[in-house]
Protein backbone atom coordinates (compact mmCIF):
# COMPACT_ATOMS: atom_id res chain seq x y z
CA MET A 1 -16.47 9.21 -11.37
CA THR A 2 -17.12 8.41 -14.99
CA LEU A 3 -14.81 6.19 -16.97
CA ASN A 4 -15.11 7.05 -20.66
CA MET A 5 -13.97 4.18 -22.83
CA PRO A 6 -14.97 3.66 -26.45
CA PRO A 7 -17.82 1.14 -26.89
CA GLY A 8 -16.87 -2.34 -27.96
CA ILE A 9 -13.63 -2.58 -25.98
CA PRO A 10 -13.51 -6.00 -24.29
CA GLY A 11 -13.60 -5.73 -20.51
CA ARG A 12 -15.15 -2.24 -20.51
CA ALA A 13 -17.73 -3.15 -17.83
CA ILE A 14 -15.16 -5.05 -15.79
CA CYS A 15 -12.78 -2.09 -15.93
CA ARG A 16 -15.52 0.30 -14.78
CA ARG A 17 -16.43 -1.94 -11.85
CA ARG A 18 -12.77 -2.39 -10.95
CA VAL A 19 -12.13 1.36 -10.92
CA ALA A 20 -15.32 2.01 -8.92
CA VAL A 21 -14.41 -0.61 -6.29
CA VAL A 22 -10.83 0.63 -5.99
CA CYS A 23 -12.00 4.25 -5.66
CA ALA A 24 -14.49 3.26 -2.96
CA ILE A 25 -11.73 1.52 -1.01
CA VAL A 26 -8.87 3.93 -1.61
CA ALA A 27 -10.64 7.30 -1.29
CA PRO A 28 -11.24 7.07 2.49
CA LEU A 29 -7.68 5.87 3.00
CA LEU A 30 -6.26 8.78 1.03
CA VAL A 31 -8.26 11.26 3.07
CA ALA A 32 -6.74 9.78 6.24
CA CYS A 33 -3.23 9.76 4.81
CA THR A 34 -2.19 13.37 4.54
CA GLY A 35 1.21 14.55 5.55
CA PRO A 36 4.67 15.05 4.16
CA ALA A 37 6.35 12.29 2.19
CA SER A 38 8.46 9.78 4.11
CA SER A 39 7.23 10.80 7.55
CA SER A 40 4.61 9.26 9.79
CA THR A 41 1.35 11.02 10.47
CA PRO A 42 1.79 13.49 13.32
CA THR A 43 0.29 11.67 16.28
CA SER A 44 2.27 11.20 19.43
CA VAL A 45 4.04 7.92 20.08
CA ASP A 46 6.04 7.70 23.28
CA PRO A 47 9.67 7.21 22.12
CA ALA A 48 10.42 5.25 25.30
CA THR A 49 7.87 2.56 24.40
CA ALA A 50 7.72 2.83 20.61
CA GLY A 51 8.23 -0.07 18.28
CA HIS A 52 9.17 0.32 14.65
CA LEU A 53 7.72 -1.05 11.44
CA VAL A 54 10.10 -1.06 8.47
CA GLY A 55 9.97 -2.59 5.02
CA VAL A 56 9.77 -2.11 1.29
CA VAL A 57 6.74 -1.82 -0.99
CA TYR A 58 7.19 -3.59 -4.31
CA ALA A 59 5.22 -3.49 -7.53
CA SER A 60 4.92 -7.04 -8.78
CA GLY A 61 3.47 -8.93 -11.68
CA GLY A 62 1.96 -6.57 -14.14
CA ALA A 63 3.14 -6.40 -17.69
CA LEU A 64 4.61 -9.39 -19.45
CA THR A 65 7.77 -8.95 -21.48
CA GLY A 66 8.72 -10.86 -24.59
CA GLY A 67 8.40 -10.12 -28.26
CA GLU A 68 6.32 -11.76 -30.93
CA GLY A 69 7.12 -15.44 -31.20
CA SER A 70 8.83 -15.60 -27.82
CA SER A 71 7.41 -16.86 -24.55
CA PRO A 72 6.06 -14.12 -22.27
CA VAL A 73 8.00 -13.59 -19.06
CA GLN A 74 6.57 -11.83 -16.02
CA LYS A 75 8.59 -8.85 -14.78
CA ALA A 76 10.38 -9.21 -11.46
CA PRO A 77 9.12 -7.05 -8.56
CA TRP A 78 10.53 -3.52 -8.40
CA PRO A 79 10.46 -0.90 -5.60
CA TYR A 80 7.30 1.23 -5.54
CA ALA A 81 8.08 4.88 -4.80
CA ASN A 82 5.54 7.17 -3.10
CA ALA A 83 3.09 4.45 -2.10
CA THR A 84 1.13 5.08 1.10
CA VAL A 85 1.65 2.56 3.91
CA ILE A 86 -1.06 2.47 6.58
CA ALA A 87 -0.86 0.72 9.98
CA THR A 88 -4.31 0.23 11.55
CA PRO A 89 -4.69 -1.07 15.14
CA THR A 90 -6.49 -4.44 15.18
CA ASP A 91 -6.47 -5.29 18.87
CA GLY A 92 -9.25 -2.92 19.95
CA ALA A 93 -6.86 -0.46 21.58
CA GLN A 94 -7.65 3.23 21.29
CA ARG A 95 -4.78 4.14 18.96
CA GLU A 96 -4.99 6.08 15.73
CA ASP A 97 -4.02 4.75 12.31
CA ARG A 98 -0.52 5.80 11.33
CA SER A 99 0.74 6.24 7.81
CA THR A 100 3.74 7.22 5.75
CA HIS A 101 4.85 7.36 2.13
CA THR A 102 7.58 5.21 0.66
CA ALA A 103 10.89 6.72 -0.40
CA GLY A 104 12.27 6.45 -3.94
CA ASP A 105 13.61 2.98 -3.18
CA GLY A 106 10.21 1.79 -1.89
CA SER A 107 11.35 1.74 1.75
CA PHE A 108 9.30 2.98 4.69
CA ARG A 109 9.44 3.30 8.48
CA ILE A 110 6.59 3.94 10.91
CA ASP A 111 7.02 4.37 14.67
CA LEU A 112 4.16 2.66 16.51
CA SER A 113 2.90 2.15 20.02
CA PRO A 114 3.10 -1.52 21.05
CA GLY A 115 0.19 -3.62 19.79
CA ALA A 116 -1.31 -5.51 16.86
CA TYR A 117 -1.74 -3.81 13.49
CA GLY A 118 -2.99 -4.50 10.01
CA VAL A 119 -0.50 -3.06 7.53
CA ALA A 120 -1.44 -2.26 3.94
CA ALA A 121 0.07 -0.36 1.02
CA VAL A 122 -1.91 1.81 -1.36
CA GLY A 123 -0.46 2.96 -4.67
CA GLN A 124 -2.02 4.88 -7.51
CA ILE A 125 -5.75 4.68 -8.07
CA GLY A 126 -6.40 1.52 -10.01
CA ASP A 127 -3.54 -0.52 -8.53
CA GLU A 128 -4.59 -3.75 -6.89
CA HIS A 129 -3.40 -4.36 -3.37
CA PRO A 130 -3.68 -7.50 -1.28
CA PRO A 131 -5.39 -7.56 2.12
CA ALA A 132 -3.56 -6.06 5.08
CA ARG A 133 -0.70 -8.05 6.63
CA MET A 134 -1.06 -8.61 10.37
CA VAL A 135 1.90 -7.71 12.58
CA THR A 136 2.52 -7.32 16.30
CA VAL A 137 4.93 -4.64 17.48
CA ALA A 138 6.54 -4.69 20.93
CA ALA A 139 8.28 -1.81 22.71
CA GLY A 140 11.77 -1.26 21.35
CA GLU A 141 11.28 -3.90 18.65
CA THR A 142 11.69 -3.43 14.90
CA VAL A 143 9.35 -5.50 12.74
CA SER A 144 10.11 -5.89 9.04
CA VAL A 145 7.38 -6.47 6.46
CA ASP A 146 7.49 -6.23 2.68
CA LEU A 147 4.29 -5.38 0.82
CA TYR A 148 3.35 -5.95 -2.82
CA LEU A 149 1.07 -4.04 -5.17
CA LEU A 150 -0.12 -5.09 -8.63
CA PRO A 151 0.04 -2.01 -10.87
CA PHE A 152 -3.01 -1.21 -12.95
CA PRO A 153 -2.31 -2.24 -16.55
């Protein structure tokens, strides 16, 4: 991927590296995350023993508001629609990653087999996302986790 920016723009090299790193991280995740919006990837989870992961993905930080002469104020987090949420087993069990897309209000739900998972959200290419959050899901239990992304400026 080539990022064409006019020469002399401050941060040009940093921006190129940032985009390259994000693409290297996100591309494999996007390949694994196909499927219809707002539904988990089609692998079988036994409904009798399933646990549930629910939450909201928020966009946070980002642009500062405030006009000339006023103090800048950081925007409050807002729901992030159509982000991909991925749950990856972390306990060595032979389970597949499961994923879904957030609804318009940023909410998501994934049905999971009991176990430990790393949960991460991926937005548009260029958005920064924190490391995965670790959760443990038990049969019949609903675990709630909110995730935050920093939109690409």
